[in-house]
Amino acid sequence: MYYYLYCITKALHKPLINVVGIGNANVHALQYEDIVAILSEVVMAKIPVSNGNVLRHAAVIEAVRKEQSVLPMRYSSVFKNDARVIEFLKNRYAVFVSDLGRLHHKLEMGIRIMQKKVTVHPHLNLPPPPFSPSVMGTGGGIQGNNEYSPHLVGGGELLHNFKGERWDLPHIRSTLEIGEPS
């Protein structure tokens, strides 16, 4: 028997009732100091990737996240026994406590922006953008450093909404009410 790790959180305030993990196994908590690993037993060390398994992994994390902050683990984090899980928690205890403190009452989200080509809407009354490799980019959306393609990562992070208004990421964060940027 192996242990599948879904997430790390602070000590639970409520027991995990009717939370079912991969392979229809009951989910339980294994505590070390004031943090817990959310686990279920699985029969194999390598979990096959399937829609059902991935959705079950996400559902367990979401069930715990509804109650408190979590540090989700990547899919197919499997340990040989509970002693290995405790060792994992012990070795990374300071980092886990710090990260859980930083995420307290916050929801971590990612935004992915993909664009195949540069499109300028006629109602914006903007001249067409220059078509060059620095503007068109490949594999990561628009790249470059002009008003039509502001950097989406690093300093000066800007996005344009469909009305052509510029939004910086702190504005988006405050609009989504997900807490102050760290």
Foldseek 3Di string as FASTA:
>chain_A
DKKFFFWKAFDDPDFDPPQAAPPRFDWGWDDDDGMTTIIGDDDDQFDDDDPVRVVSSVSNVVVVVVRWDIGTDDPRPMGHDVVVVNVVCVVCVVVRVVVRVVCGQFDDDDDADADQAQDDDVVVVDDDDDDDCQQRPPDRHGHHPDPRGHDCDDPPHWDADPVRDIDHPQRVCVVVVRDGDD
